[in-house]
C-alpha atoms as a PDB file:
ATOM      1  CA  MET A   1     -42.222  -0.939 -16.796  1.00  0.00           C
ATOM      2  CA  GLY A   2     -41.127   2.786 -16.221  1.00  0.00           C
ATOM      3  CA  LYS A   3     -40.010   1.886 -12.736  1.00  0.00           C
ATOM      4  CA  ARG A   4     -37.964  -1.146 -13.749  1.00  0.00           C
ATOM      5  CA  ILE A   5     -36.173   1.075 -16.250  1.00  0.00           C
ATOM      6  CA  PHE A   6     -35.215   3.688 -13.473  1.00  0.00           C
ATOM      7  CA  THR A   7     -34.649   1.222 -10.537  1.00  0.00           C
ATOM      8  CA  GLY A   8     -33.486  -1.949 -12.298  1.00  0.00           C
ATOM      9  CA  ILE A   9     -35.923  -3.997 -10.154  1.00  0.00           C
ATOM     10  CA  GLN A  10     -39.099  -5.769 -11.278  1.00  0.00           C
ATOM     11  CA  PRO A  11     -42.234  -4.085  -9.994  1.00  0.00           C
ATOM     12  CA  ARG A  12     -43.243  -7.210  -7.974  1.00  0.00           C
ATOM     13  CA  ARG A  13     -39.840  -7.256  -6.190  1.00  0.00           C
ATOM     14  CA  LEU A  14     -39.879  -3.503  -5.721  1.00  0.00           C
ATOM     15  CA  GLY A  15     -43.177  -3.744  -4.021  1.00  0.00           C
ATOM     16  CA  LYS A  16     -41.837  -6.335  -1.659  1.00  0.00           C
ATOM     17  CA  LEU A  17     -38.727  -4.374  -0.964  1.00  0.00           C
ATOM     18  CA  ILE A  18     -40.775  -1.299  -0.170  1.00  0.00           C
ATOM     19  CA  ALA A  19     -42.958  -3.346   2.205  1.00  0.00           C
ATOM     20  CA  ASP A  20     -40.018  -4.841   4.017  1.00  0.00           C
ATOM     21  CA  LEU A  21     -37.854  -1.838   4.676  1.00  0.00           C
ATOM     22  CA  PRO A  22     -40.060   0.610   6.855  1.00  0.00           C
ATOM     23  CA  GLY A  23     -39.641  -1.574   9.967  1.00  0.00           C
ATOM     24  CA  ALA A  24     -35.949  -1.358   9.732  1.00  0.00           C
ATOM     25  CA  TRP A  25     -35.917   2.334   8.848  1.00  0.00           C
ATOM     26  CA  THR A  26     -38.148   3.077  11.818  1.00  0.00           C
ATOM     27  CA  ALA A  27     -35.768   1.299  14.239  1.00  0.00           C
ATOM     28  CA  ALA A  28     -32.728   2.917  12.801  1.00  0.00           C
ATOM     29  CA  GLU A  29     -34.404   6.398  12.782  1.00  0.00           C
ATOM     30  CA  GLU A  30     -35.643   5.995  16.503  1.00  0.00           C
ATOM     31  CA  SER A  31     -32.061   5.065  17.417  1.00  0.00           C
ATOM     32  CA  ARG A  32     -30.610   8.078  15.795  1.00  0.00           C
ATOM     33  CA  LEU A  33     -33.025  10.497  17.296  1.00  0.00           C
ATOM     34  CA  ARG A  34     -32.463   8.842  20.896  1.00  0.00           C
ATOM     35  CA  GLU A  35     -28.788   9.089  20.625  1.00  0.00           C
ATOM     36  CA  ARG A  36     -29.141  12.795  19.381  1.00  0.00           C
ATOM     37  CA  ARG A  37     -31.419  13.940  22.210  1.00  0.00           C
ATOM     38  CA  GLY A  38     -29.908  11.660  24.886  1.00  0.00           C
ATOM     39  CA  HIS A  39     -33.326  10.322  26.245  1.00  0.00           C
ATOM     40  CA  GLU A  40     -36.396   8.730  25.172  1.00  0.00           C
ATOM     41  CA  ARG A  41     -39.006  10.509  23.182  1.00  0.00           C
ATOM     42  CA  MET A  42     -41.424  12.876  24.934  1.00  0.00           C
ATOM     43  CA  ARG A  43     -43.886  13.129  22.161  1.00  0.00           C
ATOM     44  CA  ALA A  44     -46.175  10.447  20.484  1.00  0.00           C
ATOM     45  CA  PRO A  45     -44.662   8.657  17.336  1.00  0.00           C
ATOM     46  CA  GLY A  46     -45.490  10.612  14.197  1.00  0.00           C
ATOM     47  CA  ALA A  47     -45.547  14.036  15.759  1.00  0.00           C
ATOM     48  CA  GLY A  48     -43.453  16.742  14.320  1.00  0.00           C
ATOM     49  CA  PRO A  49     -43.063  17.943  10.654  1.00  0.00           C
ATOM     50  CA  ASP A  50     -43.508  15.234   7.884  1.00  0.00           C
ATOM     51  CA  HIS A  51     -40.717  14.431   5.532  1.00  0.00           C
ATOM     52  CA  ASP A  52     -40.710  16.331   1.994  1.00  0.00           C
ATOM     53  CA  LEU A  53     -40.598  12.825   0.464  1.00  0.00           C
ATOM     54  CA  PRO A  54     -42.798   9.977   1.271  1.00  0.00           C
ATOM     55  CA  PHE A  55     -41.101   6.611   2.126  1.00  0.00           C
ATOM     56  CA  VAL A  56     -41.768   5.103  -1.093  1.00  0.00           C
ATOM     57  CA  ASP A  57     -40.240   7.873  -3.058  1.00  0.00           C
ATOM     58  CA  ARG A  58     -37.193   7.966  -0.755  1.00  0.00           C
ATOM     59  CA  VAL A  59     -36.591   4.229  -1.732  1.00  0.00           C
ATOM     60  CA  ILE A  60     -36.990   4.978  -5.290  1.00  0.00           C
ATOM     61  CA  VAL A  61     -34.731   7.911  -5.160  1.00  0.00           C
ATOM     62  CA  ALA A  62     -32.009   5.818  -3.583  1.00  0.00           C
ATOM     63  CA  LEU A  63     -32.377   3.091  -6.262  1.00  0.00           C
ATOM     64  CA  VAL A  64     -32.244   5.553  -9.014  1.00  0.00           C
ATOM     65  CA  TYR A  65     -29.072   7.061  -7.590  1.00  0.00           C
ATOM     66  CA  LEU A  66     -27.573   3.611  -7.069  1.00  0.00           C
ATOM     67  CA  ARG A  67     -28.421   2.668 -10.473  1.00  0.00           C
ATOM     68  CA  PHE A  68     -27.401   5.730 -12.591  1.00  0.00           C
ATOM     69  CA  GLN A  69     -25.389   7.957  -9.965  1.00  0.00           C
ATOM     70  CA  LEU A  70     -27.322  10.956 -10.923  1.00  0.00           C
ATOM     71  CA  PRO A  71     -26.225  14.175  -9.050  1.00  0.00           C
ATOM     72  CA  HIS A  72     -28.417  14.663  -6.001  1.00  0.00           C
ATOM     73  CA  ALA A  73     -29.204  18.113  -7.346  1.00  0.00           C
ATOM     74  CA  ALA A  74     -30.757  16.709 -10.621  1.00  0.00           C
ATOM     75  CA  LEU A  75     -32.915  14.362  -8.670  1.00  0.00           C
ATOM     76  CA  ALA A  76     -34.021  17.234  -6.550  1.00  0.00           C
ATOM     77  CA  VAL A  77     -35.258  19.065  -9.572  1.00  0.00           C
ATOM     78  CA  LEU A  78     -37.271  16.046 -10.676  1.00  0.00           C
ATOM     79  CA  TYR A  79     -38.820  15.727  -7.320  1.00  0.00           C
ATOM     80  CA  GLY A  80     -39.397  19.400  -6.703  1.00  0.00           C
ATOM     81  CA  VAL A  81     -37.394  19.244  -3.279  1.00  0.00           C
ATOM     82  CA  ASP A  82     -34.140  20.666  -1.981  1.00  0.00           C
ATOM     83  CA  ARG A  83     -30.948  18.910  -2.765  1.00  0.00           C
ATOM     84  CA  SER A  84     -30.283  18.036   0.970  1.00  0.00           C
ATOM     85  CA  THR A  85     -33.563  16.165   0.986  1.00  0.00           C
ATOM     86  CA  ILE A  86     -32.252  13.829  -1.765  1.00  0.00           C
ATOM     87  CA  THR A  87     -28.931  13.453   0.088  1.00  0.00           C
ATOM     88  CA  ARG A  88     -30.888  12.694   3.296  1.00  0.00           C
ATOM     89  CA  ALA A  89     -32.998  10.134   1.611  1.00  0.00           C
ATOM     90  CA  VAL A  90     -30.026   8.257  -0.096  1.00  0.00           C
ATOM     91  CA  GLY A  91     -28.147   8.318   3.337  1.00  0.00           C
ATOM     92  CA  GLU A  92     -31.146   6.781   5.041  1.00  0.00           C
ATOM     93  CA  ILE A  93     -32.030   4.049   2.442  1.00  0.00           C
ATOM     94  CA  ARG A  94     -28.530   2.885   1.375  1.00  0.00           C
ATOM     95  CA  PRO A  95     -27.525   1.315   4.739  1.00  0.00           C
ATOM     96  CA  LEU A  96     -30.848  -0.402   4.895  1.00  0.00           C
ATOM     97  CA  LEU A  97     -30.246  -1.980   1.628  1.00  0.00           C
ATOM     98  CA  ALA A  98     -26.758  -2.781   2.557  1.00  0.00           C
ATOM     99  CA  ALA A  99     -27.979  -4.629   5.712  1.00  0.00           C
ATOM    100  CA  ARG A 100     -30.381  -6.839   3.702  1.00  0.00           C
ATOM    101  CA  GLY A 101     -27.819  -9.539   3.053  1.00  0.00           C
ATOM    102  CA  PHE A 102     -27.926 -11.865  -0.103  1.00  0.00           C
ATOM    103  CA  ALA A 103     -30.646 -13.919  -1.357  1.00  0.00           C
ATOM    104  CA  VAL A 104     -30.491 -17.755  -1.448  1.00  0.00           C
ATOM    105  CA  PRO A 105     -31.925 -19.691  -4.457  1.00  0.00           C
ATOM    106  CA  GLY A 106     -35.193 -21.533  -3.456  1.00  0.00           C
ATOM    107  CA  GLU A 107     -35.312 -20.035   0.052  1.00  0.00           C
ATOM    108  CA  ALA A 108     -37.026 -16.710   0.116  1.00  0.00           C
ATOM    109  CA  ASP A 109     -36.908 -16.251   3.889  1.00  0.00           C
ATOM    110  CA  VAL A 110     -33.160 -16.936   4.320  1.00  0.00           C
ATOM    111  CA  ARG A 111     -30.511 -14.410   3.543  1.00  0.00           C
ATOM    112  CA  LEU A 112     -26.818 -14.633   3.893  1.00  0.00           C
ATOM    113  CA  ARG A 113     -24.889 -11.867   5.641  1.00  0.00           C
ATOM    114  CA  THR A 114     -21.389 -13.084   6.650  1.00  0.00           C
ATOM    115  CA  LEU A 115     -18.747 -15.294   5.017  1.00  0.00           C
ATOM    116  CA  ALA A 116     -19.506 -17.917   7.722  1.00  0.00           C
ATOM    117  CA  ASP A 117     -23.040 -17.983   6.617  1.00  0.00           C
ATOM    118  CA  VAL A 118     -21.918 -18.706   3.190  1.00  0.00           C
ATOM    119  CA  PHE A 119     -19.822 -21.607   3.996  1.00  0.00           C
ATOM    120  CA  ALA A 120     -22.566 -23.015   6.361  1.00  0.00           C
ATOM    121  CA  TYR A 121     -24.927 -22.879   3.449  1.00  0.00           C
ATOM    122  CA  ALA A 122     -22.487 -24.329   1.023  1.00  0.00           C
ATOM    123  CA  ALA A 123     -21.667 -27.249   3.277  1.00  0.00           C
ATOM    124  CA  ALA A 124     -25.483 -27.911   3.975  1.00  0.00           C
ATOM    125  CA  HIS A 125     -26.461 -27.820   0.292  1.00  0.00           C
ATOM    126  CA  GLY A 126     -23.475 -29.185  -1.372  1.00  0.00           C
ATOM    127  CA  VAL A 127     -22.691 -25.898  -3.163  1.00  0.00           C
ATOM    128  CA  GLU A 128     -19.293 -25.338  -4.870  1.00  0.00           C
ATOM    129  CA  LEU A 129     -18.119 -21.734  -4.329  1.00  0.00           C
ATOM    130  CA  ARG A 130     -16.390 -19.421  -6.743  1.00  0.00           C
ATOM    131  CA  LEU A 131     -14.215 -16.558  -5.244  1.00  0.00           C
ATOM    132  CA  ASP A 132     -12.978 -13.445  -7.157  1.00  0.00           C
ATOM    133  CA  GLY A 133     -11.802  -9.803  -6.338  1.00  0.00           C
ATOM    134  CA  THR A 134     -13.095  -6.953  -8.179  1.00  0.00           C
ATOM    135  CA  GLU A 135     -12.224  -3.299  -7.984  1.00  0.00           C
ATOM    136  CA  VAL A 136     -13.979  -0.045  -8.679  1.00  0.00           C
ATOM    137  CA  GLN A 137     -12.238   3.278  -9.358  1.00  0.00           C
ATOM    138  CA  VAL A 138     -12.803   5.948  -6.594  1.00  0.00           C
ATOM    139  CA  ARG A 139     -11.759   9.558  -6.147  1.00  0.00           C
ATOM    140  CA  ARG A 140      -8.113  10.179  -5.344  1.00  0.00           C
ATOM    141  CA  PRO A 141      -7.518  10.967  -1.741  1.00  0.00           C
ATOM    142  CA  ARG A 142      -6.350  14.563  -1.032  1.00  0.00           C
ATOM    143  CA  ALA A 143      -2.587  15.369  -1.266  1.00  0.00           C
ATOM    144  CA  GLY A 144      -0.960  14.816   2.085  1.00  0.00           C
ATOM    145  CA  LYS A 145      -3.448  12.464   3.606  1.00  0.00           C
ATOM    146  CA  PRO A 146      -1.930   9.375   5.405  1.00  0.00           C
ATOM    147  CA  GLY A 147      -2.205   6.206   3.474  1.00  0.00           C
ATOM    148  CA  ARG A 148      -2.944   7.979   0.209  1.00  0.00           C
ATOM    149  CA  ARG A 149      -0.763   5.627  -1.774  1.00  0.00           C
ATOM    150  CA  ALA A 150      -2.681   2.476  -0.276  1.00  0.00           C
ATOM    151  CA  PHE A 151      -5.495   3.291  -2.958  1.00  0.00           C
ATOM    152  CA  VAL A 152      -3.368   3.020  -5.960  1.00  0.00           C
ATOM    153  CA  SER A 153      -3.919  -0.317  -7.583  1.00  0.00           C
ATOM    154  CA  GLY A 154      -1.017  -1.962  -9.030  1.00  0.00           C
ATOM    155  CA  LYS A 155      -3.221  -3.564 -11.655  1.00  0.00           C
ATOM    156  CA  LYS A 156      -5.116  -0.607 -12.887  1.00  0.00           C
ATOM    157  CA  LYS A 157      -2.763   2.204 -11.891  1.00  0.00           C
ATOM    158  CA  GLN A 158      -5.556   4.115 -10.602  1.00  0.00           C
ATOM    159  CA  ASN A 159      -7.092   4.971  -7.230  1.00  0.00           C
ATOM    160  CA  THR A 160      -9.552   2.042  -6.549  1.00  0.00           C
ATOM    161  CA  LYS A 161     -11.338   0.154  -3.879  1.00  0.00           C
ATOM    162  CA  LYS A 162     -11.563  -3.562  -3.915  1.00  0.00           C
ATOM    163  CA  ALA A 163     -14.162  -6.119  -2.896  1.00  0.00           C
ATOM    164  CA  THR A 164     -14.473  -9.935  -2.926  1.00  0.00           C
ATOM    165  CA  VAL A 165     -17.432 -11.616  -4.487  1.00  0.00           C
ATOM    166  CA  VAL A 166     -18.427 -15.086  -3.671  1.00  0.00           C
ATOM    167  CA  THR A 167     -20.979 -17.042  -5.965  1.00  0.00           C
ATOM    168  CA  ASP A 168     -22.212 -20.560  -6.469  1.00  0.00           C
ATOM    169  CA  GLN A 169     -21.405 -22.612  -9.541  1.00  0.00           C
ATOM    170  CA  GLN A 170     -24.236 -20.900 -11.541  1.00  0.00           C
ATOM    171  CA  GLY A 171     -22.858 -17.295 -10.741  1.00  0.00           C
ATOM    172  CA  ARG A 172     -25.450 -16.327  -8.310  1.00  0.00           C
ATOM    173  CA  THR A 173     -24.162 -13.862  -5.807  1.00  0.00           C
ATOM    174  CA  LEU A 174     -23.986 -15.209  -2.237  1.00  0.00           C
ATOM    175  CA  TRP A 175     -21.727 -12.677  -0.653  1.00  0.00           C
ATOM    176  CA  ALA A 176     -19.702  -9.539  -1.120  1.00  0.00           C
ATOM    177  CA  GLY A 177     -17.324  -7.939   1.210  1.00  0.00           C
ATOM    178  CA  ALA A 178     -13.605  -7.839   2.351  1.00  0.00           C
ATOM    179  CA  PHE A 179     -13.433  -4.174   1.249  1.00  0.00           C
ATOM    180  CA  ARG A 180     -10.004  -2.838   1.008  1.00  0.00           C
ATOM    181  CA  PRO A 181      -7.668  -0.160  -0.785  1.00  0.00           C
ATOM    182  CA  GLY A 182      -6.772  -1.052  -4.216  1.00  0.00           C
ATOM    183  CA  ARG A 183      -3.180  -1.674  -3.213  1.00  0.00           C
ATOM    184  CA  MET A 184      -4.073  -4.756  -0.936  1.00  0.00           C
ATOM    185  CA  HIS A 185      -3.776  -8.131  -2.444  1.00  0.00           C
ATOM    186  CA  ASP A 186      -6.894 -10.206  -2.848  1.00  0.00           C
ATOM    187  CA  GLN A 187      -5.638 -13.173  -0.981  1.00  0.00           C
ATOM    188  CA  THR A 188      -4.743 -10.881   2.106  1.00  0.00           C
ATOM    189  CA  ALA A 189      -8.232  -9.533   2.316  1.00  0.00           C
ATOM    190  CA  VAL A 190     -10.068 -12.954   2.378  1.00  0.00           C
ATOM    191  CA  ARG A 191      -7.659 -14.126   5.051  1.00  0.00           C
ATOM    192  CA  THR A 192      -8.454 -11.135   7.170  1.00  0.00           C
ATOM    193  CA  GLU A 193     -11.893 -12.421   6.998  1.00  0.00           C
ATOM    194  CA  GLY A 194     -11.004 -15.764   8.498  1.00  0.00           C
ATOM    195  CA  ILE A 195     -11.383 -17.889   5.226  1.00  0.00           C
ATOM    196  CA  ALA A 196      -8.565 -20.281   6.370  1.00  0.00           C
ATOM    197  CA  ASP A 197     -10.630 -20.926   9.459  1.00  0.00           C
ATOM    198  CA  LEU A 198     -13.832 -21.516   7.576  1.00  0.00           C
ATOM    199  CA  PHE A 199     -12.061 -24.047   5.287  1.00  0.00           C
ATOM    200  CA  THR A 200     -10.831 -25.884   8.272  1.00  0.00           C
ATOM    201  CA  GLN A 201     -14.262 -25.788   9.953  1.00  0.00           C
ATOM    202  CA  PHE A 202     -16.005 -26.849   6.782  1.00  0.00           C
ATOM    203  CA  PRO A 203     -13.773 -29.454   5.131  1.00  0.00           C
ATOM    204  CA  GLN A 204     -16.575 -30.438   2.709  1.00  0.00           C
ATOM    205  CA  VAL A 205     -16.880 -27.140   1.044  1.00  0.00           C
ATOM    206  CA  LYS A 206     -15.010 -26.709  -2.225  1.00  0.00           C
ATOM    207  CA  ALA A 207     -14.081 -23.634  -4.164  1.00  0.00           C
ATOM    208  CA  LYS A 208     -12.541 -22.508  -7.429  1.00  0.00           C
ATOM    209  CA  VAL A 209     -10.487 -19.334  -7.441  1.00  0.00           C
ATOM    210  CA  ASP A 210      -8.013 -17.477  -9.848  1.00  0.00           C
ATOM    211  CA  ALA A 211      -4.155 -17.223  -9.509  1.00  0.00           C
ATOM    212  CA  GLY A 212      -4.617 -14.565  -6.882  1.00  0.00           C
ATOM    213  CA  TYR A 213      -5.598 -16.994  -4.350  1.00  0.00           C
ATOM    214  CA  ARG A 214      -2.933 -19.529  -5.032  1.00  0.00           C
ATOM    215  CA  GLY A 215      -1.647 -19.444  -1.593  1.00  0.00           C
ATOM    216  CA  VAL A 216      -5.107 -20.602  -0.188  1.00  0.00           C
ATOM    217  CA  ALA A 217      -5.119 -23.305  -2.623  1.00  0.00           C
ATOM    218  CA  LYS A 218      -1.716 -24.621  -1.653  1.00  0.00           C
ATOM    219  CA  GLU A 219      -2.855 -24.485   1.937  1.00  0.00           C
ATOM    220  CA  PHE A 220      -6.149 -26.398   1.170  1.00  0.00           C
ATOM    221  CA  PRO A 221      -5.372 -28.484  -1.972  1.00  0.00           C
ATOM    222  CA  ASP A 222      -8.252 -30.805  -1.490  1.00  0.00           C
ATOM    223  CA  GLN A 223     -10.694 -28.028  -1.362  1.00  0.00           C
ATOM    224  CA  VAL A 224      -9.563 -24.959  -3.226  1.00  0.00           C
ATOM    225  CA  GLN A 225      -8.732 -25.259  -6.870  1.00  0.00           C
ATOM    226  CA  ALA A 226      -6.557 -22.613  -8.695  1.00  0.00           C
ATOM    227  CA  PRO A 227      -5.364 -22.431 -12.211  1.00  0.00           C
ATOM    228  CA  PRO A 228      -2.416 -24.905 -13.005  1.00  0.00           C
ATOM    229  CA  LEU A 229       1.126 -23.618 -12.848  1.00  0.00           C
ATOM    230  CA  LYS A 230       2.491 -22.359 -16.134  1.00  0.00           C
ATOM    231  CA  PRO A 231       4.892 -25.150 -17.352  1.00  0.00           C
ATOM    232  CA  LYS A 232       8.633 -24.373 -18.071  1.00  0.00           C
ATOM    233  CA  LYS A 233       9.794 -23.243 -21.403  1.00  0.00           C
ATOM    234  CA  ASP A 234      11.288 -26.543 -22.265  1.00  0.00           C
ATOM    235  CA  VAL A 235       8.072 -28.444 -21.670  1.00  0.00           C
ATOM    236  CA  SER A 236       7.153 -31.004 -24.335  1.00  0.00           C
ATOM    237  CA  PRO A 237       4.091 -30.238 -26.878  1.00  0.00           C
ATOM    238  CA  GLU A 238       1.979 -32.912 -25.104  1.00  0.00           C
ATOM    239  CA  GLY A 239       2.655 -31.277 -21.728  1.00  0.00           C
ATOM    240  CA  ALA A 240       1.948 -27.792 -23.142  1.00  0.00           C
ATOM    241  CA  ALA A 241      -1.405 -29.007 -24.698  1.00  0.00           C
ATOM    242  CA  ALA A 242      -2.318 -30.725 -21.414  1.00  0.00           C
ATOM    243  CA  TYR A 243      -1.713 -27.442 -19.568  1.00  0.00           C
ATOM    244  CA  GLU A 244      -3.792 -25.356 -21.949  1.00  0.00           C
ATOM    245  CA  ALA A 245      -6.608 -27.870 -21.593  1.00  0.00           C
ATOM    246  CA  GLU A 246      -6.588 -27.856 -17.882  1.00  0.00           C
ATOM    247  CA  ARG A 247      -6.214 -24.187 -17.660  1.00  0.00           C
ATOM    248  CA  HIS A 248      -9.126 -23.789 -20.168  1.00  0.00           C
ATOM    249  CA  GLN A 249     -11.426 -26.027 -18.046  1.00  0.00           C
ATOM    250  CA  GLN A 250     -10.755 -24.308 -14.900  1.00  0.00           C
ATOM    251  CA  SER A 251     -11.417 -20.968 -16.387  1.00  0.00           C
ATOM    252  CA  SER A 252     -14.576 -22.248 -17.940  1.00  0.00           C
ATOM    253  CA  GLU A 253     -15.874 -23.394 -14.576  1.00  0.00           C
ATOM    254  CA  ARG A 254     -14.811 -20.152 -12.710  1.00  0.00           C
ATOM    255  CA  ILE A 255     -15.985 -17.705 -15.371  1.00  0.00           C
ATOM    256  CA  CYS A 256     -19.520 -17.486 -13.723  1.00  0.00           C
ATOM    257  CA  VAL A 257     -18.244 -15.274 -10.917  1.00  0.00           C
ATOM    258  CA  GLU A 258     -16.719 -12.968 -13.566  1.00  0.00           C
ATOM    259  CA  HIS A 259     -20.313 -12.655 -14.955  1.00  0.00           C
ATOM    260  CA  ALA A 260     -21.591 -11.925 -11.555  1.00  0.00           C
ATOM    261  CA  ASN A 261     -19.109  -9.058 -11.196  1.00  0.00           C
ATOM    262  CA  ALA A 262     -20.276  -7.827 -14.596  1.00  0.00           C
ATOM    263  CA  GLU A 263     -23.821  -7.888 -13.258  1.00  0.00           C
ATOM    264  CA  HIS A 264     -22.814  -5.659 -10.396  1.00  0.00           C
ATOM    265  CA  LYS A 265     -21.211  -3.187 -12.586  1.00  0.00           C
ATOM    266  CA  GLN A 266     -24.385  -2.679 -14.743  1.00  0.00           C
ATOM    267  CA  TRP A 267     -25.048  -0.241 -11.975  1.00  0.00           C
ATOM    268  CA  ARG A 268     -23.484   2.968 -12.651  1.00  0.00           C
ATOM    269  CA  THR A 269     -22.162   3.525  -9.125  1.00  0.00           C
ATOM    270  CA  LEU A 270     -20.014   0.439  -9.328  1.00  0.00           C
ATOM    271  CA  GLN A 271     -18.482   1.365 -12.799  1.00  0.00           C
ATOM    272  CA  ARG A 272     -16.837   4.413 -11.222  1.00  0.00           C
ATOM    273  CA  PHE A 273     -17.840   5.559  -7.718  1.00  0.00           C
ATOM    274  CA  LEU A 274     -17.883   9.408  -7.305  1.00  0.00           C
ATOM    275  CA  GLY A 275     -19.205   9.533  -3.896  1.00  0.00           C
ATOM    276  CA  GLN A 276     -17.214   9.681  -0.532  1.00  0.00           C
ATOM    277  CA  ARG A 277     -15.149   6.694  -0.116  1.00  0.00           C
ATOM    278  CA  GLN A 278     -16.564   5.826   3.391  1.00  0.00           C
ATOM    279  CA  ASP A 279     -19.878   5.093   1.537  1.00  0.00           C
ATOM    280  CA  PHE A 280     -18.452   2.700  -0.932  1.00  0.00           C
ATOM    281  CA  ASP A 281     -18.767  -0.280   1.281  1.00  0.00           C
ATOM    282  CA  ASP A 282     -22.564   0.243   1.773  1.00  0.00           C
ATOM    283  CA  THR A 283     -23.083   1.149  -1.861  1.00  0.00           C
ATOM    284  CA  PHE A 284     -21.513  -2.015  -3.091  1.00  0.00           C
ATOM    285  CA  LEU A 285     -23.292  -4.280  -0.607  1.00  0.00           C
ATOM    286  CA  ALA A 286     -26.791  -2.544  -1.584  1.00  0.00           C
ATOM    287  CA  VAL A 287     -26.227  -3.139  -5.197  1.00  0.00           C
ATOM    288  CA  ALA A 288     -24.819  -6.778  -4.718  1.00  0.00           C
ATOM    289  CA  GLY A 289     -27.799  -7.584  -2.508  1.00  0.00           C
ATOM    290  CA  LEU A 290     -30.228  -6.285  -5.195  1.00  0.00           C
ATOM    291  CA  VAL A 291     -28.443  -8.169  -7.861  1.00  0.00           C
ATOM    292  CA  SER A 292     -28.646 -11.457  -5.592  1.00  0.00           C
ATOM    293  CA  ASP A 293     -32.439 -11.090  -5.557  1.00  0.00           C
ATOM    294  CA  ARG A 294     -32.683 -11.307  -9.248  1.00  0.00           C
ATOM    295  CA  ALA A 295     -29.960 -13.937  -9.450  1.00  0.00           C
ATOM    296  CA  ALA A 296     -31.750 -16.195  -6.964  1.00  0.00           C
ATOM    297  CA  ASP A 297     -34.783 -16.641  -9.423  1.00  0.00           C
ATOM    298  CA  ARG A 298     -32.470 -18.122 -12.179  1.00  0.00           C
END
């Protein structure tokens, strides 16, 4: 129970996660060392000094950091190691978690990693998608840095980074990505991911979106449903009532993706991200992938 409180993951799933990651970590570490020395290793694997933290502890440290965003120095005190050891552990494990992809309900061996994977899965299983953008406050870029204003969100009036989340009709996370500075519009982000081509390639795939994706809905009216347009002021009472009923129905069917965003933000790092902005994408992917593991069991 204690581990679940700190990591946010059930012991059974945590054990499977720890069993699955060493192979990917070994490959990444060997690649890094080969690039640094410029040639193949000359000593047998396992030679040299040991890590101050065993692999299991490195995974748990990374999960605790993602869950609570504790300072590395505080985690170092808890484990009796130097702060740089914690920083290295988080830096090693976070990309591995981000690269895992997203769980598929009922198919334990299948994981979705790209938006094209999601559309293929939705077409094969008759899944109706939900799309929504979410944003997280990040540190303000230093004064004088080019592109500094690009992170200022027009909605929140803060420095943010945005992500697009895709779920099924039950709110289970299938994909997250299209990361961009807070000033960029939601629709622009998904278009850069090739969403128009994917709707063309998979005409049977349908999705519900909010008003921020109205342009996509106009381009694919038979596949994408956005909220109805607000009627003019001189509309009849019957027309206003019909609009409210349609808007409420569409909102009720789309609210599950908002619940998925709320699940992600139960992790402290996605409530307000205090790390370096270049680490935000991997952090969001790691958390969303872990959340998708739990959601796939619903």
